[in-house]
C-alpha atoms as a PDB file:
ATOM      1  CA  MET A   1     -34.182 -58.090  26.905  1.00  0.00           C
ATOM      2  CA  TYR A   2     -33.513 -54.997  24.821  1.00  0.00           C
ATOM      3  CA  PHE A   3     -29.958 -56.174  24.122  1.00  0.00           C
ATOM      4  CA  ALA A   4     -31.155 -59.610  23.014  1.00  0.00           C
ATOM      5  CA  LYS A   5     -33.532 -58.017  20.475  1.00  0.00           C
ATOM      6  CA  LYS A   6     -30.754 -55.745  19.279  1.00  0.00           C
ATOM      7  CA  TYR A   7     -28.342 -58.665  18.811  1.00  0.00           C
ATOM      8  CA  LYS A   8     -31.009 -60.724  17.050  1.00  0.00           C
ATOM      9  CA  THR A   9     -31.613 -57.840  14.649  1.00  0.00           C
ATOM     10  CA  ILE A  10     -27.886 -57.414  13.977  1.00  0.00           C
ATOM     11  CA  ILE A  11     -27.385 -61.161  13.438  1.00  0.00           C
ATOM     12  CA  PHE A  12     -30.431 -61.288  11.149  1.00  0.00           C
ATOM     13  CA  ALA A  13     -29.089 -58.337   9.130  1.00  0.00           C
ATOM     14  CA  ILE A  14     -25.655 -59.983   8.818  1.00  0.00           C
ATOM     15  CA  ILE A  15     -27.237 -63.245   7.631  1.00  0.00           C
ATOM     16  CA  ILE A  16     -29.342 -61.374   5.043  1.00  0.00           C
ATOM     17  CA  VAL A  17     -26.251 -59.509   3.778  1.00  0.00           C
ATOM     18  CA  PHE A  18     -24.279 -62.753   3.414  1.00  0.00           C
ATOM     19  CA  LEU A  19     -27.101 -64.565   1.644  1.00  0.00           C
ATOM     20  CA  THR A  20     -27.796 -61.796  -0.875  1.00  0.00           C
ATOM     21  CA  SER A  21     -24.249 -60.582  -1.508  1.00  0.00           C
ATOM     22  CA  CYS A  22     -22.914 -63.689  -3.215  1.00  0.00           C
ATOM     23  CA  THR A  23     -25.145 -64.480  -6.181  1.00  0.00           C
ATOM     24  CA  PRO A  24     -24.106 -67.234  -8.594  1.00  0.00           C
ATOM     25  CA  GLN A  25     -23.525 -64.634 -11.317  1.00  0.00           C
ATOM     26  CA  LYS A  26     -21.075 -62.710  -9.132  1.00  0.00           C
ATOM     27  CA  ARG A  27     -19.289 -65.916  -8.177  1.00  0.00           C
ATOM     28  CA  LEU A  28     -18.979 -66.932 -11.825  1.00  0.00           C
ATOM     29  CA  THR A  29     -17.703 -63.496 -12.821  1.00  0.00           C
ATOM     30  CA  ARG A  30     -15.125 -63.525 -10.043  1.00  0.00           C
ATOM     31  CA  LEU A  31     -14.048 -67.071 -10.940  1.00  0.00           C
ATOM     32  CA  LEU A  32     -13.636 -66.244 -14.642  1.00  0.00           C
ATOM     33  CA  HIS A  33     -11.746 -63.056 -13.791  1.00  0.00           C
ATOM     34  CA  ARG A  34      -9.286 -64.948 -11.590  1.00  0.00           C
ATOM     35  CA  HIS A  35      -8.946 -67.942 -13.938  1.00  0.00           C
ATOM     36  CA  SER A  36      -9.073 -66.568 -17.488  1.00  0.00           C
ATOM     37  CA  TYR A  37      -7.930 -69.879 -19.001  1.00  0.00           C
ATOM     38  CA  LEU A  38     -11.424 -71.283 -18.344  1.00  0.00           C
ATOM     39  CA  THR A  39     -12.864 -69.338 -21.306  1.00  0.00           C
ATOM     40  CA  TYR A  40     -11.952 -69.038 -24.962  1.00  0.00           C
ATOM     41  CA  ASN A  41     -13.413 -67.110 -27.884  1.00  0.00           C
ATOM     42  CA  ASP A  42     -14.985 -69.113 -30.677  1.00  0.00           C
ATOM     43  CA  THR A  43     -16.287 -68.132 -34.109  1.00  0.00           C
ATOM     44  CA  VAL A  44     -19.404 -69.819 -35.448  1.00  0.00           C
ATOM     45  CA  PHE A  45     -20.559 -69.205 -39.018  1.00  0.00           C
ATOM     46  CA  HIS A  46     -24.234 -68.941 -39.949  1.00  0.00           C
ATOM     47  CA  GLU A  47     -25.624 -68.661 -43.451  1.00  0.00           C
ATOM     48  CA  LYS A  48     -27.558 -65.522 -44.241  1.00  0.00           C
ATOM     49  CA  LYS A  49     -29.798 -65.476 -47.307  1.00  0.00           C
ATOM     50  CA  ILE A  50     -29.781 -62.380 -49.516  1.00  0.00           C
ATOM     51  CA  ILE A  51     -32.441 -62.213 -52.213  1.00  0.00           C
ATOM     52  CA  THR A  52     -31.493 -60.126 -55.254  1.00  0.00           C
ATOM     53  CA  SER A  53     -34.118 -58.599 -57.458  1.00  0.00           C
ATOM     54  CA  GLY A  54     -34.242 -59.311 -61.176  1.00  0.00           C
ATOM     55  CA  ILE A  55     -32.788 -56.859 -63.688  1.00  0.00           C
ATOM     56  CA  TRP A  56     -34.181 -56.254 -67.157  1.00  0.00           C
ATOM     57  CA  LEU A  57     -32.344 -53.981 -69.612  1.00  0.00           C
ATOM     58  CA  ASP A  58     -33.639 -53.405 -73.097  1.00  0.00           C
ATOM     59  CA  THR A  59     -32.316 -50.508 -75.135  1.00  0.00           C
ATOM     60  CA  THR A  60     -31.876 -49.577 -78.792  1.00  0.00           C
ATOM     61  CA  PHE A  61     -29.393 -47.199 -80.418  1.00  0.00           C
ATOM     62  CA  ILE A  62     -29.990 -45.753 -83.880  1.00  0.00           C
ATOM     63  CA  ILE A  63     -26.830 -45.603 -85.946  1.00  0.00           C
ATOM     64  CA  ASN A  64     -26.551 -43.400 -89.032  1.00  0.00           C
ATOM     65  CA  SER A  65     -23.486 -45.108 -90.359  1.00  0.00           C
ATOM     66  CA  PHE A  66     -21.520 -47.829 -88.724  1.00  0.00           C
ATOM     67  CA  LYS A  67     -18.187 -48.140 -90.461  1.00  0.00           C
ATOM     68  CA  ILE A  68     -14.786 -49.219 -89.274  1.00  0.00           C
ATOM     69  CA  PRO A  69     -12.096 -46.695 -90.310  1.00  0.00           C
ATOM     70  CA  GLU A  70      -9.588 -49.404 -91.256  1.00  0.00           C
ATOM     71  CA  TYR A  71     -12.142 -51.087 -93.560  1.00  0.00           C
ATOM     72  CA  PRO A  72     -14.178 -48.329 -95.239  1.00  0.00           C
ATOM     73  CA  ASP A  73     -15.817 -50.681 -97.720  1.00  0.00           C
ATOM     74  CA  LEU A  74     -17.135 -53.020 -95.026  1.00  0.00           C
ATOM     75  CA  LEU A  75     -20.665 -52.297 -93.814  1.00  0.00           C
ATOM     76  CA  PHE A  76     -22.394 -54.443 -91.177  1.00  0.00           C
ATOM     77  CA  VAL A  77     -25.839 -55.399 -92.278  1.00  0.00           C
ATOM     78  CA  GLN A  78     -26.922 -57.732 -89.504  1.00  0.00           C
ATOM     79  CA  ASP A  79     -25.189 -59.523 -86.634  1.00  0.00           C
ATOM     80  CA  THR A  80     -26.350 -61.154 -83.388  1.00  0.00           C
ATOM     81  CA  PHE A  81     -24.357 -61.842 -80.239  1.00  0.00           C
ATOM     82  CA  ILE A  82     -26.040 -63.891 -77.470  1.00  0.00           C
ATOM     83  CA  ILE A  83     -24.807 -64.257 -73.875  1.00  0.00           C
ATOM     84  CA  ARG A  84     -26.017 -67.186 -71.831  1.00  0.00           C
ATOM     85  CA  ASP A  85     -24.833 -67.649 -68.272  1.00  0.00           C
ATOM     86  CA  GLU A  86     -26.389 -69.245 -65.196  1.00  0.00           C
ATOM     87  CA  ARG A  87     -27.828 -65.939 -64.076  1.00  0.00           C
ATOM     88  CA  ILE A  88     -27.539 -63.550 -67.020  1.00  0.00           C
ATOM     89  CA  LYS A  89     -29.126 -63.889 -70.435  1.00  0.00           C
ATOM     90  CA  GLY A  90     -28.400 -61.253 -73.029  1.00  0.00           C
ATOM     91  CA  SER A  91     -28.241 -60.466 -76.683  1.00  0.00           C
ATOM     92  CA  LEU A  92     -26.682 -57.794 -78.870  1.00  0.00           C
ATOM     93  CA  ILE A  93     -28.362 -57.402 -82.260  1.00  0.00           C
ATOM     94  CA  LEU A  94     -26.918 -55.166 -84.999  1.00  0.00           C
ATOM     95  CA  ASP A  95     -29.162 -54.276 -87.912  1.00  0.00           C
ATOM     96  CA  ALA A  96     -28.534 -51.871 -90.772  1.00  0.00           C
ATOM     97  CA  ASN A  97     -29.185 -48.709 -88.744  1.00  0.00           C
ATOM     98  CA  ARG A  98     -29.867 -49.784 -85.172  1.00  0.00           C
ATOM     99  CA  LEU A  99     -28.112 -51.554 -82.336  1.00  0.00           C
ATOM    100  CA  LYS A 100     -30.350 -53.377 -79.845  1.00  0.00           C
ATOM    101  CA  LEU A 101     -29.021 -54.471 -76.446  1.00  0.00           C
ATOM    102  CA  SER A 102     -31.112 -56.783 -74.285  1.00  0.00           C
ATOM    103  CA  LEU A 103     -30.019 -58.150 -70.862  1.00  0.00           C
ATOM    104  CA  LYS A 104     -32.020 -60.053 -68.287  1.00  0.00           C
ATOM    105  CA  GLN A 105     -31.027 -61.331 -64.848  1.00  0.00           C
ATOM    106  CA  GLU A 106     -33.432 -63.540 -62.919  1.00  0.00           C
ATOM    107  CA  PRO A 107     -34.018 -62.985 -59.188  1.00  0.00           C
ATOM    108  CA  ASP A 108     -31.578 -65.036 -57.168  1.00  0.00           C
ATOM    109  CA  THR A 109     -30.859 -66.104 -53.591  1.00  0.00           C
ATOM    110  CA  ILE A 110     -27.280 -65.711 -52.393  1.00  0.00           C
ATOM    111  CA  ARG A 111     -26.074 -67.445 -49.241  1.00  0.00           C
ATOM    112  CA  VAL A 112     -23.361 -65.552 -47.370  1.00  0.00           C
ATOM    113  CA  PRO A 113     -21.514 -66.963 -44.334  1.00  0.00           C
ATOM    114  CA  VAL A 114     -21.751 -64.512 -41.428  1.00  0.00           C
ATOM    115  CA  PRO A 115     -19.405 -64.934 -38.438  1.00  0.00           C
ATOM    116  CA  GLU A 116     -20.800 -64.852 -34.910  1.00  0.00           C
ATOM    117  CA  TYR A 117     -18.366 -64.526 -32.033  1.00  0.00           C
ATOM    118  CA  ARG A 118     -19.117 -66.448 -28.838  1.00  0.00           C
ATOM    119  CA  THR A 119     -17.360 -67.001 -25.536  1.00  0.00           C
ATOM    120  CA  ARG A 120     -17.095 -70.673 -24.711  1.00  0.00           C
ATOM    121  CA  TYR A 121     -16.271 -72.228 -21.347  1.00  0.00           C
ATOM    122  CA  VAL A 122     -13.777 -75.021 -20.853  1.00  0.00           C
ATOM    123  CA  THR A 123     -15.416 -78.141 -19.461  1.00  0.00           C
ATOM    124  CA  ASN A 124     -13.754 -81.352 -18.425  1.00  0.00           C
ATOM    125  CA  GLN A 125     -16.346 -84.086 -18.370  1.00  0.00           C
ATOM    126  CA  ASN A 126     -13.887 -86.794 -17.334  1.00  0.00           C
ATOM    127  CA  GLU A 127     -13.121 -85.039 -14.071  1.00  0.00           C
ATOM    128  CA  LYS A 128     -14.734 -86.617 -11.020  1.00  0.00           C
ATOM    129  CA  LYS A 129     -16.845 -84.315  -8.941  1.00  0.00           C
ATOM    130  CA  GLN A 130     -15.272 -83.411  -5.601  1.00  0.00           C
ATOM    131  CA  PRO A 131     -17.550 -83.710  -2.562  1.00  0.00           C
ATOM    132  CA  ASN A 132     -18.554 -80.464  -0.921  1.00  0.00           C
ATOM    133  CA  THR A 133     -16.151 -79.908   2.004  1.00  0.00           C
ATOM    134  CA  LEU A 134     -18.761 -78.127   4.116  1.00  0.00           C
ATOM    135  CA  LEU A 135     -21.157 -81.032   3.714  1.00  0.00           C
ATOM    136  CA  VAL A 136     -18.443 -83.522   4.632  1.00  0.00           C
ATOM    137  CA  ALA A 137     -17.490 -81.431   7.694  1.00  0.00           C
ATOM    138  CA  LEU A 138     -21.153 -81.286   8.843  1.00  0.00           C
ATOM    139  CA  ILE A 139     -21.552 -85.047   8.447  1.00  0.00           C
ATOM    140  CA  VAL A 140     -18.344 -85.698  10.389  1.00  0.00           C
ATOM    141  CA  ALA A 141     -19.439 -83.236  13.108  1.00  0.00           C
ATOM    142  CA  GLY A 142     -22.857 -84.928  13.287  1.00  0.00           C
ATOM    143  CA  ILE A 143     -21.341 -88.387  13.634  1.00  0.00           C
ATOM    144  CA  TYR A 144     -18.919 -87.054  16.256  1.00  0.00           C
ATOM    145  CA  SER A 145     -21.735 -85.448  18.279  1.00  0.00           C
ATOM    146  CA  VAL A 146     -23.813 -88.647  18.101  1.00  0.00           C
ATOM    147  CA  LEU A 147     -20.844 -90.672  19.350  1.00  0.00           C
ATOM    148  CA  LEU A 148     -20.222 -88.215  22.190  1.00  0.00           C
ATOM    149  CA  SER A 149     -23.918 -88.379  23.130  1.00  0.00           C
ATOM    150  CA  LEU A 150     -23.825 -92.183  23.209  1.00  0.00           C
ATOM    151  CA  ILE A 151     -20.711 -92.151  25.352  1.00  0.00           C
ATOM    152  CA  ALA A 152     -22.282 -89.626  27.739  1.00  0.00           C
ATOM    153  CA  ILE A 153     -25.442 -91.767  28.011  1.00  0.00           C
ATOM    154  CA  LYS A 154     -23.427 -94.927  28.804  1.00  0.00           C
ATOM    155  CA  ARG A 155     -21.505 -93.183  31.601  1.00  0.00           C
ATOM    156  CA  ARG A 156     -24.631 -92.168  33.449  1.00  0.00           C
END
């Protein structure tokens, strides 16, 4: 009786070890390690939004004399230069004794593509699923045992 309990305990421990040692994650890892062609690296791009703050620059320079050395008789009295772009608006104004610079950039949203690297798995959806060999063997063994039982019953 003691030996039967001991063997039951050993068999129970072996069954527990077999059931817990082979998790699906371990099986998948082992499969992918053995068959590396089942995976491939893929790059997916996502857009990331970056919001820039607005810039405002307004400054004035006082000029005592603004003369060009090549043209000593020429004196600038007033001139205006205006920049207009999609994002930047500016002006440069020259008066008799001052130079005024004014720039303004509106806040903007910039979209930048950011790569994300993923591991993809090769799948073949046209492939027919193979029946489980253990299940087929159990069904065949069951049919065989039923047939043997029927034959044994008829002989009695």
